[in-house]
């Protein structure tokens, strides 16, 4: 993800969380980085948060849970979306291996 994409994601997370000030930008960026690392670890690969709306929404919601200090509830509440993410990424990897992409 390039710097422009990171800035765009930061602005979208701030908007989603209704944050209009800039003082917390470094902390919010760390939150985003932790969320990206989380999804990479559960998916076993890099996850596209730039072009894929479903992935981006999951990241926004993960940040919302982090911001509200209820991160321990995220996996239970978004179980089906997380499984869907894993399946979609597995399917893409499988298609690449099979040569259908």
PDB file of N, CA and C in Angstrom:
ATOM      1  N   UNK A   1       0.847  -1.163   0.000  1.00  0.00           N
ATOM      2  CA  UNK A   1       0.000   0.000   0.000  1.00  0.00           C
ATOM      3  C   UNK A   1       0.901   1.238   0.000  1.00  0.00           C
ATOM      4  N   UNK A   2       0.670   2.121  -0.968  1.00  0.00           N
ATOM      5  CA  UNK A   2       1.509   3.316  -1.048  1.00  0.00           C
ATOM      6  C   UNK A   2       1.009   4.391  -0.072  1.00  0.00           C
ATOM      7  N   UNK A   3       1.748   5.478   0.016  1.00  0.00           N
ATOM      8  CA  UNK A   3       1.447   6.521   0.996  1.00  0.00           C
ATOM      9  C   UNK A   3       0.093   7.191   0.738  1.00  0.00           C
ATOM     10  N   UNK A   4      -0.262   7.395  -0.515  1.00  0.00           N
ATOM     11  CA  UNK A   4      -1.552   8.000  -0.850  1.00  0.00           C
ATOM     12  C   UNK A   4      -2.706   7.086  -0.414  1.00  0.00           C
ATOM     13  N   UNK A   5      -2.554   5.787  -0.641  1.00  0.00           N
ATOM     14  CA  UNK A   5      -3.574   4.818  -0.228  1.00  0.00           C
ATOM     15  C   UNK A   5      -3.686   4.758   1.303  1.00  0.00           C
ATOM     16  N   UNK A   6      -2.533   4.839   1.982  1.00  0.00           N
ATOM     17  CA  UNK A   6      -2.541   4.835   3.445  1.00  0.00           C
ATOM     18  C   UNK A   6      -3.256   6.073   3.987  1.00  0.00           C
ATOM     19  N   UNK A   7      -2.998   7.222   3.370  1.00  0.00           N
ATOM     20  CA  UNK A   7      -3.638   8.472   3.791  1.00  0.00           C
ATOM     21  C   UNK A   7      -5.149   8.401   3.547  1.00  0.00           C
ATOM     22  N   UNK A   8      -5.538   7.841   2.401  1.00  0.00           N
ATOM     23  CA  UNK A   8      -6.954   7.681   2.086  1.00  0.00           C
ATOM     24  C   UNK A   8      -7.632   6.769   3.105  1.00  0.00           C
ATOM     25  N   UNK A   9      -6.972   5.684   3.458  1.00  0.00           N
ATOM     26  CA  UNK A   9      -7.517   4.753   4.447  1.00  0.00           C
ATOM     27  C   UNK A   9      -7.612   5.422   5.816  1.00  0.00           C
ATOM     28  N   UNK A  10      -6.602   6.176   6.191  1.00  0.00           N
ATOM     29  CA  UNK A  10      -6.630   6.909   7.450  1.00  0.00           C
ATOM     30  C   UNK A  10      -7.826   7.856   7.488  1.00  0.00           C
ATOM     31  N   UNK A  11      -8.032   8.595   6.407  1.00  0.00           N
ATOM     32  CA  UNK A  11      -9.151   9.538   6.351  1.00  0.00           C
ATOM     33  C   UNK A  11     -10.497   8.818   6.421  1.00  0.00           C
ATOM     34  N   UNK A  12     -10.601   7.662   5.768  1.00  0.00           N
ATOM     35  CA  UNK A  12     -11.859   6.914   5.813  1.00  0.00           C
ATOM     36  C   UNK A  12     -12.121   6.355   7.209  1.00  0.00           C
ATOM     37  N   UNK A  13     -11.092   5.851   7.873  1.00  0.00           N
ATOM     38  CA  UNK A  13     -11.261   5.345   9.239  1.00  0.00           C
ATOM     39  C   UNK A  13     -11.686   6.489  10.155  1.00  0.00           C
ATOM     40  N   UNK A  14     -11.041   7.638  10.029  1.00  0.00           N
ATOM     41  CA  UNK A  14     -11.409   8.789  10.855  1.00  0.00           C
ATOM     42  C   UNK A  14     -12.857   9.195  10.608  1.00  0.00           C
ATOM     43  N   UNK A  15     -13.265   9.200   9.374  1.00  0.00           N
ATOM     44  CA  UNK A  15     -14.644   9.549   9.047  1.00  0.00           C
ATOM     45  C   UNK A  15     -15.608   8.525   9.640  1.00  0.00           C
ATOM     46  N   UNK A  16     -15.275   7.252   9.510  1.00  0.00           N
ATOM     47  CA  UNK A  16     -16.111   6.175  10.031  1.00  0.00           C
ATOM     48  C   UNK A  16     -16.258   6.269  11.549  1.00  0.00           C
ATOM     49  N   UNK A  17     -15.177   6.677  12.205  1.00  0.00           N
ATOM     50  CA  UNK A  17     -15.179   6.797  13.660  1.00  0.00           C
ATOM     51  C   UNK A  17     -15.636   8.182  14.129  1.00  0.00           C
ATOM     52  N   UNK A  18     -15.984   9.029  13.182  1.00  0.00           N
ATOM     53  CA  UNK A  18     -16.440  10.393  13.474  1.00  0.00           C
ATOM     54  C   UNK A  18     -15.377  11.215  14.199  1.00  0.00           C
ATOM     55  N   UNK A  19     -14.142  11.104  13.718  1.00  0.00           N
ATOM     56  CA  UNK A  19     -13.033  11.863  14.278  1.00  0.00           C
ATOM     57  C   UNK A  19     -12.680  12.961  13.281  1.00  0.00           C
ATOM     58  N   UNK A  20     -12.800  14.202  13.699  1.00  0.00           N
ATOM     59  CA  UNK A  20     -12.561  15.328  12.789  1.00  0.00           C
ATOM     60  C   UNK A  20     -11.259  16.066  13.082  1.00  0.00           C
ATOM     61  N   UNK A  21     -10.568  15.690  14.136  1.00  0.00           N
ATOM     62  CA  UNK A  21      -9.330  16.347  14.511  1.00  0.00           C
ATOM     63  C   UNK A  21      -8.153  15.485  14.086  1.00  0.00           C
ATOM     64  N   UNK A  22      -6.965  16.095  14.054  1.00  0.00           N
ATOM     65  CA  UNK A  22      -5.770  15.407  13.548  1.00  0.00           C
ATOM     66  C   UNK A  22      -4.803  14.958  14.639  1.00  0.00           C
ATOM     67  N   UNK A  23      -5.044  15.345  15.864  1.00  0.00           N
ATOM     68  CA  UNK A  23      -4.101  15.044  16.943  1.00  0.00           C
ATOM     69  C   UNK A  23      -3.905  13.544  17.160  1.00  0.00           C
ATOM     70  N   UNK A  24      -4.906  12.751  16.844  1.00  0.00           N
ATOM     71  CA  UNK A  24      -4.814  11.311  17.079  1.00  0.00           C
ATOM     72  C   UNK A  24      -4.364  10.526  15.845  1.00  0.00           C
ATOM     73  N   UNK A  25      -4.004  11.195  14.782  1.00  0.00           N
ATOM     74  CA  UNK A  25      -3.632  10.505  13.545  1.00  0.00           C
ATOM     75  C   UNK A  25      -2.569   9.424  13.738  1.00  0.00           C
ATOM     76  N   UNK A  26      -1.482   9.701  14.486  1.00  0.00           N
ATOM     77  CA  UNK A  26      -0.487   8.630  14.674  1.00  0.00           C
ATOM     78  C   UNK A  26      -1.068   7.397  15.376  1.00  0.00           C
ATOM     79  N   UNK A  27      -1.918   7.618  16.369  1.00  0.00           N
ATOM     80  CA  UNK A  27      -2.532   6.490  17.080  1.00  0.00           C
ATOM     81  C   UNK A  27      -3.512   5.739  16.184  1.00  0.00           C
ATOM     82  N   UNK A  28      -4.260   6.462  15.385  1.00  0.00           N
ATOM     83  CA  UNK A  28      -5.208   5.825  14.479  1.00  0.00           C
ATOM     84  C   UNK A  28      -4.455   5.033  13.415  1.00  0.00           C
ATOM     85  N   UNK A  29      -3.334   5.567  12.932  1.00  0.00           N
ATOM     86  CA  UNK A  29      -2.533   4.842  11.948  1.00  0.00           C
ATOM     87  C   UNK A  29      -1.988   3.547  12.548  1.00  0.00           C
ATOM     88  N   UNK A  30      -1.584   3.585  13.804  1.00  0.00           N
ATOM     89  CA  UNK A  30      -1.128   2.363  14.477  1.00  0.00           C
ATOM     90  C   UNK A  30      -2.266   1.351  14.591  1.00  0.00           C
ATOM     91  N   UNK A  31      -3.463   1.849  14.874  1.00  0.00           N
ATOM     92  CA  UNK A  31      -4.634   0.987  14.960  1.00  0.00           C
ATOM     93  C   UNK A  31      -4.881   0.321  13.603  1.00  0.00           C
ATOM     94  N   UNK A  32      -4.788   1.080  12.537  1.00  0.00           N
ATOM     95  CA  UNK A  32      -4.966   0.548  11.179  1.00  0.00           C
ATOM     96  C   UNK A  32      -3.903  -0.500  10.888  1.00  0.00           C
ATOM     97  N   UNK A  33      -2.652  -0.190  11.228  1.00  0.00           N
ATOM     98  CA  UNK A  33      -1.553  -1.130  10.981  1.00  0.00           C
ATOM     99  C   UNK A  33      -1.768  -2.439  11.744  1.00  0.00           C
ATOM    100  N   UNK A  34      -2.254  -2.344  12.984  1.00  0.00           N
ATOM    101  CA  UNK A  34      -2.533  -3.555  13.761  1.00  0.00           C
ATOM    102  C   UNK A  34      -3.679  -4.351  13.144  1.00  0.00           C
ATOM    103  N   UNK A  35      -4.701  -3.648  12.649  1.00  0.00           N
ATOM    104  CA  UNK A  35      -5.825  -4.328  12.009  1.00  0.00           C
ATOM    105  C   UNK A  35      -5.373  -5.033  10.738  1.00  0.00           C
ATOM    106  N   UNK A  36      -4.530  -4.380   9.946  1.00  0.00           N
ATOM    107  CA  UNK A  36      -4.010  -4.991   8.722  1.00  0.00           C
ATOM    108  C   UNK A  36      -3.196  -6.237   9.070  1.00  0.00           C
ATOM    109  N   UNK A  37      -2.359  -6.152  10.098  1.00  0.00           N
ATOM    110  CA  UNK A  37      -1.572  -7.316  10.530  1.00  0.00           C
ATOM    111  C   UNK A  37      -2.473  -8.452  10.994  1.00  0.00           C
ATOM    112  N   UNK A  38      -3.540  -8.116  11.694  1.00  0.00           N
ATOM    113  CA  UNK A  38      -4.492  -9.123  12.153  1.00  0.00           C
ATOM    114  C   UNK A  38      -5.093  -9.868  10.965  1.00  0.00           C
ATOM    115  N   UNK A  39      -5.580  -9.130   9.977  1.00  0.00           N
ATOM    116  CA  UNK A  39      -6.207  -9.777   8.826  1.00  0.00           C
ATOM    117  C   UNK A  39      -5.200 -10.571   8.008  1.00  0.00           C
ATOM    118  N   UNK A  40      -3.977 -10.073   7.926  1.00  0.00           N
ATOM    119  CA  UNK A  40      -2.943 -10.831   7.219  1.00  0.00           C
ATOM    120  C   UNK A  40      -2.669 -12.153   7.935  1.00  0.00           C
ATOM    121  N   UNK A  41      -2.680 -12.128   9.253  1.00  0.00           N
ATOM    122  CA  UNK A  41      -2.395 -13.365  10.001  1.00  0.00           C
ATOM    123  C   UNK A  41      -3.542 -14.363   9.883  1.00  0.00           C
ATOM    124  N   UNK A  42      -4.795 -13.906   9.882  1.00  0.00           N
ATOM    125  CA  UNK A  42      -5.894 -14.865   9.778  1.00  0.00           C
ATOM    126  C   UNK A  42      -6.127 -15.326   8.347  1.00  0.00           C
ATOM    127  N   UNK A  43      -5.689 -14.521   7.376  1.00  0.00           N
ATOM    128  CA  UNK A  43      -5.865 -14.895   5.970  1.00  0.00           C
ATOM    129  C   UNK A  43      -4.668 -15.663   5.436  1.00  0.00           C
ATOM    130  N   UNK A  44      -3.519 -15.516   6.075  1.00  0.00           N
ATOM    131  CA  UNK A  44      -2.319 -16.199   5.618  1.00  0.00           C
ATOM    132  C   UNK A  44      -1.678 -15.543   4.405  1.00  0.00           C
ATOM    133  N   UNK A  45      -2.130 -14.343   4.068  1.00  0.00           N
ATOM    134  CA  UNK A  45      -1.599 -13.617   2.920  1.00  0.00           C
ATOM    135  C   UNK A  45      -1.964 -12.148   3.054  1.00  0.00           C
ATOM    136  N   UNK A  46      -1.419 -11.327   2.170  1.00  0.00           N
ATOM    137  CA  UNK A  46      -1.797  -9.913   2.163  1.00  0.00           C
ATOM    138  C   UNK A  46      -3.264  -9.781   1.781  1.00  0.00           C
ATOM    139  N   UNK A  47      -3.911  -8.789   2.332  1.00  0.00           N
ATOM    140  CA  UNK A  47      -5.331  -8.546   2.074  1.00  0.00           C
ATOM    141  C   UNK A  47      -5.470  -7.181   1.426  1.00  0.00           C
ATOM    142  N   UNK A  48      -6.283  -7.104   0.373  1.00  0.00           N
ATOM    143  CA  UNK A  48      -6.497  -5.855  -0.354  1.00  0.00           C
ATOM    144  C   UNK A  48      -7.536  -5.007   0.371  1.00  0.00           C
ATOM    145  N   UNK A  49      -7.100  -3.889   0.927  1.00  0.00           N
ATOM    146  CA  UNK A  49      -8.017  -2.964   1.578  1.00  0.00           C
ATOM    147  C   UNK A  49      -8.244  -1.718   0.730  1.00  0.00           C
ATOM    148  N   UNK A  50      -7.643  -1.674  -0.446  1.00  0.00           N
ATOM    149  CA  UNK A  50      -7.776  -0.509  -1.321  1.00  0.00           C
ATOM    150  C   UNK A  50      -8.958  -0.685  -2.260  1.00  0.00           C
ATOM    151  N   UNK A  51      -9.013  -1.800  -2.968  1.00  0.00           N
ATOM    152  CA  UNK A  51     -10.026  -1.998  -4.006  1.00  0.00           C
ATOM    153  C   UNK A  51     -11.195  -2.875  -3.586  1.00  0.00           C
ATOM    154  N   UNK A  52     -11.042  -3.655  -2.542  1.00  0.00           N
ATOM    155  CA  UNK A  52     -12.098  -4.585  -2.147  1.00  0.00           C
ATOM    156  C   UNK A  52     -12.945  -3.983  -1.034  1.00  0.00           C
ATOM    157  N   UNK A  53     -14.167  -3.644  -1.344  1.00  0.00           N
ATOM    158  CA  UNK A  53     -15.052  -2.999  -0.383  1.00  0.00           C
ATOM    159  C   UNK A  53     -15.374  -3.840   0.828  1.00  0.00           C
ATOM    160  N   UNK A  54     -15.525  -5.172   0.649  1.00  0.00           N
ATOM    161  CA  UNK A  54     -15.818  -6.052   1.785  1.00  0.00           C
ATOM    162  C   UNK A  54     -14.659  -6.074   2.769  1.00  0.00           C
ATOM    163  N   UNK A  55     -13.451  -6.171   2.239  1.00  0.00           N
ATOM    164  CA  UNK A  55     -12.271  -6.182   3.100  1.00  0.00           C
ATOM    165  C   UNK A  55     -12.132  -4.853   3.836  1.00  0.00           C
ATOM    166  N   UNK A  56     -12.346  -3.781   3.115  1.00  0.00           N
ATOM    167  CA  UNK A  56     -12.219  -2.452   3.704  1.00  0.00           C
ATOM    168  C   UNK A  56     -13.243  -2.261   4.824  1.00  0.00           C
ATOM    169  N   UNK A  57     -14.460  -2.726   4.610  1.00  0.00           N
ATOM    170  CA  UNK A  57     -15.478  -2.605   5.644  1.00  0.00           C
ATOM    171  C   UNK A  57     -15.095  -3.398   6.886  1.00  0.00           C
ATOM    172  N   UNK A  58     -14.532  -4.576   6.699  1.00  0.00           N
ATOM    173  CA  UNK A  58     -14.064  -5.363   7.846  1.00  0.00           C
ATOM    174  C   UNK A  58     -12.992  -4.609   8.621  1.00  0.00           C
ATOM    175  N   UNK A  59     -12.077  -3.969   7.895  1.00  0.00           N
ATOM    176  CA  UNK A  59     -11.025  -3.199   8.550  1.00  0.00           C
ATOM    177  C   UNK A  59     -11.626  -2.026   9.319  1.00  0.00           C
ATOM    178  N   UNK A  60     -12.592  -1.340   8.728  1.00  0.00           N
ATOM    179  CA  UNK A  60     -13.253  -0.229   9.414  1.00  0.00           C
ATOM    180  C   UNK A  60     -13.915  -0.710  10.708  1.00  0.00           C
ATOM    181  N   UNK A  61     -14.590  -1.845  10.620  1.00  0.00           N
ATOM    182  CA  UNK A  61     -15.260  -2.370  11.809  1.00  0.00           C
ATOM    183  C   UNK A  61     -14.255  -2.842  12.861  1.00  0.00           C
ATOM    184  N   UNK A  62     -13.169  -3.442  12.430  1.00  0.00           N
ATOM    185  CA  UNK A  62     -12.126  -3.852  13.383  1.00  0.00           C
ATOM    186  C   UNK A  62     -11.594  -2.624  14.119  1.00  0.00           C
ATOM    187  N   UNK A  63     -11.360  -1.538  13.386  1.00  0.00           N
ATOM    188  CA  UNK A  63     -10.883  -0.297  14.011  1.00  0.00           C
ATOM    189  C   UNK A  63     -11.930   0.274  14.972  1.00  0.00           C
ATOM    190  N   UNK A  64     -13.199   0.176  14.619  1.00  0.00           N
ATOM    191  CA  UNK A  64     -14.267   0.648  15.497  1.00  0.00           C
ATOM    192  C   UNK A  64     -14.257  -0.130  16.818  1.00  0.00           C
ATOM    193  N   UNK A  65     -14.097  -1.435  16.729  1.00  0.00           N
ATOM    194  CA  UNK A  65     -14.047  -2.248  17.938  1.00  0.00           C
ATOM    195  C   UNK A  65     -12.808  -1.923  18.764  1.00  0.00           C
ATOM    196  N   UNK A  66     -11.694  -1.678  18.096  1.00  0.00           N
ATOM    197  CA  UNK A  66     -10.472  -1.314  18.811  1.00  0.00           C
ATOM    198  C   UNK A  66     -10.662   0.027  19.518  1.00  0.00           C
ATOM    199  N   UNK A  67     -11.238   0.967  18.814  1.00  0.00           N
ATOM    200  CA  UNK A  67     -11.453   2.310  19.357  1.00  0.00           C
ATOM    201  C   UNK A  67     -12.364   2.275  20.592  1.00  0.00           C
ATOM    202  N   UNK A  68     -13.341   1.392  20.567  1.00  0.00           N
ATOM    203  CA  UNK A  68     -14.302   1.304  21.661  1.00  0.00           C
ATOM    204  C   UNK A  68     -13.906   0.289  22.741  1.00  0.00           C
ATOM    205  N   UNK A  69     -12.695  -0.238  22.627  1.00  0.00           N
ATOM    206  CA  UNK A  69     -12.141  -1.155  23.626  1.00  0.00           C
ATOM    207  C   UNK A  69     -12.991  -2.407  23.825  1.00  0.00           C
ATOM    208  N   UNK A  70     -13.504  -2.947  22.720  1.00  0.00           N
ATOM    209  CA  UNK A  70     -14.268  -4.201  22.780  1.00  0.00           C
ATOM    210  C   UNK A  70     -13.745  -5.189  21.728  1.00  0.00           C
ATOM    211  N   UNK A  71     -12.457  -5.134  21.471  1.00  0.00           N
ATOM    212  CA  UNK A  71     -11.844  -5.950  20.427  1.00  0.00           C
ATOM    213  C   UNK A  71     -12.068  -7.440  20.656  1.00  0.00           C
ATOM    214  N   UNK A  72     -12.227  -7.852  21.916  1.00  0.00           N
ATOM    215  CA  UNK A  72     -12.426  -9.267  22.206  1.00  0.00           C
ATOM    216  C   UNK A  72     -13.760  -9.774  21.650  1.00  0.00           C
ATOM    217  N   UNK A  73     -14.670  -8.893  21.296  1.00  0.00           N
ATOM    218  CA  UNK A  73     -15.964  -9.287  20.745  1.00  0.00           C
ATOM    219  C   UNK A  73     -15.974  -9.329  19.214  1.00  0.00           C
ATOM    220  N   UNK A  74     -14.926  -8.829  18.593  1.00  0.00           N
ATOM    221  CA  UNK A  74     -14.912  -8.692  17.136  1.00  0.00           C
ATOM    222  C   UNK A  74     -15.053 -10.030  16.416  1.00  0.00           C
ATOM    223  N   UNK A  75     -14.239 -10.998  16.769  1.00  0.00           N
ATOM    224  CA  UNK A  75     -14.260 -12.281  16.062  1.00  0.00           C
ATOM    225  C   UNK A  75     -15.608 -12.971  16.158  1.00  0.00           C
ATOM    226  N   UNK A  76     -16.223 -12.924  17.314  1.00  0.00           N
ATOM    227  CA  UNK A  76     -17.537 -13.555  17.474  1.00  0.00           C
ATOM    228  C   UNK A  76     -18.596 -12.833  16.641  1.00  0.00           C
ATOM    229  N   UNK A  77     -18.580 -11.524  16.662  1.00  0.00           N
ATOM    230  CA  UNK A  77     -19.598 -10.749  15.950  1.00  0.00           C
ATOM    231  C   UNK A  77     -19.412 -10.726  14.435  1.00  0.00           C
ATOM    232  N   UNK A  78     -18.198 -10.965  13.973  1.00  0.00           N
ATOM    233  CA  UNK A  78     -17.912 -10.921  12.541  1.00  0.00           C
ATOM    234  C   UNK A  78     -17.410 -12.261  12.010  1.00  0.00           C
ATOM    235  N   UNK A  79     -17.787 -13.326  12.695  1.00  0.00           N
ATOM    236  CA  UNK A  79     -17.313 -14.663  12.336  1.00  0.00           C
ATOM    237  C   UNK A  79     -17.607 -14.999  10.871  1.00  0.00           C
ATOM    238  N   UNK A  80     -18.819 -14.774  10.427  1.00  0.00           N
ATOM    239  CA  UNK A  80     -19.173 -15.145   9.048  1.00  0.00           C
ATOM    240  C   UNK A  80     -18.416 -14.295   8.031  1.00  0.00           C
ATOM    241  N   UNK A  81     -18.214 -13.014   8.322  1.00  0.00           N
ATOM    242  CA  UNK A  81     -17.462 -12.154   7.406  1.00  0.00           C
ATOM    243  C   UNK A  81     -15.993 -12.564   7.339  1.00  0.00           C
ATOM    244  N   UNK A  82     -15.431 -12.966   8.475  1.00  0.00           N
ATOM    245  CA  UNK A  82     -14.033 -13.413   8.512  1.00  0.00           C
ATOM    246  C   UNK A  82     -13.880 -14.710   7.725  1.00  0.00           C
ATOM    247  N   UNK A  83     -14.801 -15.630   7.904  1.00  0.00           N
ATOM    248  CA  UNK A  83     -14.752 -16.886   7.144  1.00  0.00           C
ATOM    249  C   UNK A  83     -14.896 -16.606   5.652  1.00  0.00           C
ATOM    250  N   UNK A  84     -15.790 -15.687   5.313  1.00  0.00           N
ATOM    251  CA  UNK A  84     -15.961 -15.302   3.911  1.00  0.00           C
ATOM    252  C   UNK A  84     -14.672 -14.730   3.341  1.00  0.00           C
ATOM    253  N   UNK A  85     -13.999 -13.883   4.092  1.00  0.00           N
ATOM    254  CA  UNK A  85     -12.716 -13.316   3.673  1.00  0.00           C
ATOM    255  C   UNK A  85     -11.701 -14.422   3.435  1.00  0.00           C
ATOM    256  N   UNK A  86     -11.591 -15.342   4.371  1.00  0.00           N
ATOM    257  CA  UNK A  86     -10.643 -16.442   4.235  1.00  0.00           C
ATOM    258  C   UNK A  86     -10.972 -17.299   3.014  1.00  0.00           C
ATOM    259  N   UNK A  87     -12.236 -17.578   2.815  1.00  0.00           N
ATOM    260  CA  UNK A  87     -12.642 -18.385   1.671  1.00  0.00           C
ATOM    261  C   UNK A  87     -12.331 -17.674   0.358  1.00  0.00           C
ATOM    262  N   UNK A  88     -12.660 -16.378   0.268  1.00  0.00           N
ATOM    263  CA  UNK A  88     -12.402 -15.634  -0.968  1.00  0.00           C
ATOM    264  C   UNK A  88     -10.916 -15.605  -1.287  1.00  0.00           C
ATOM    265  N   UNK A  89     -10.071 -15.390  -0.272  1.00  0.00           N
ATOM    266  CA  UNK A  89      -8.630 -15.349  -0.508  1.00  0.00           C
ATOM    267  C   UNK A  89      -8.078 -16.731  -0.828  1.00  0.00           C
ATOM    268  N   UNK A  90      -8.619 -17.761  -0.200  1.00  0.00           N
ATOM    269  CA  UNK A  90      -8.210 -19.129  -0.510  1.00  0.00           C
ATOM    270  C   UNK A  90      -8.592 -19.468  -1.946  1.00  0.00           C
ATOM    271  N   UNK A  91      -9.780 -19.086  -2.364  1.00  0.00           N
ATOM    272  CA  UNK A  91     -10.263 -19.364  -3.716  1.00  0.00           C
ATOM    273  C   UNK A  91      -9.377 -18.680  -4.753  1.00  0.00           C
ATOM    274  N   UNK A  92      -8.993 -17.437  -4.506  1.00  0.00           N
ATOM    275  CA  UNK A  92      -8.106 -16.726  -5.429  1.00  0.00           C
ATOM    276  C   UNK A  92      -6.763 -17.425  -5.506  1.00  0.00           C
ATOM    277  N   UNK A  93      -6.202 -17.819  -4.353  1.00  0.00           N
ATOM    278  CA  UNK A  93      -4.913 -18.513  -4.344  1.00  0.00           C
ATOM    279  C   UNK A  93      -5.018 -19.845  -5.078  1.00  0.00           C
ATOM    280  N   UNK A  94      -6.120 -20.555  -4.883  1.00  0.00           N
ATOM    281  CA  UNK A  94      -6.330 -21.841  -5.548  1.00  0.00           C
ATOM    282  C   UNK A  94      -6.421 -21.647  -7.069  1.00  0.00           C
ATOM    283  N   UNK A  95      -7.120 -20.604  -7.515  1.00  0.00           N
ATOM    284  CA  UNK A  95      -7.236 -20.324  -8.940  1.00  0.00           C
ATOM    285  C   UNK A  95      -5.884 -19.972  -9.555  1.00  0.00           C
ATOM    286  N   UNK A  96      -5.068 -19.261  -8.809  1.00  0.00           N
ATOM    287  CA  UNK A  96      -3.723 -18.925  -9.311  1.00  0.00           C
ATOM    288  C   UNK A  96      -2.902 -20.191  -9.480  1.00  0.00           C
ATOM    289  N   UNK A  97      -2.973 -21.073  -8.500  1.00  0.00           N
ATOM    290  CA  UNK A  97      -2.226 -22.333  -8.563  1.00  0.00           C
ATOM    291  C   UNK A  97      -2.707 -23.192  -9.721  1.00  0.00           C
ATOM    292  N   UNK A  98      -4.031 -23.244  -9.920  1.00  0.00           N
ATOM    293  CA  UNK A  98      -4.615 -24.044 -11.007  1.00  0.00           C
ATOM    294  C   UNK A  98      -4.413 -23.413 -12.380  1.00  0.00           C
ATOM    295  N   UNK A  99      -4.013 -22.152 -12.405  1.00  0.00           N
ATOM    296  CA  UNK A  99      -3.791 -21.470 -13.669  1.00  0.00           C
ATOM    297  C   UNK A  99      -5.041 -20.893 -14.298  1.00  0.00           C
ATOM    298  N   UNK A 100      -6.135 -20.811 -13.531  1.00  0.00           N
ATOM    299  CA  UNK A 100      -7.355 -20.254 -14.101  1.00  0.00           C
ATOM    300  C   UNK A 100      -7.395 -18.741 -14.041  1.00  0.00           C
ATOM    301  N   UNK A 101      -6.431 -18.137 -13.367  1.00  0.00           N
ATOM    302  CA  UNK A 101      -6.321 -16.659 -13.361  1.00  0.00           C
ATOM    303  C   UNK A 101      -5.073 -16.264 -14.105  1.00  0.00           C
TER     304      UNK A 101
END
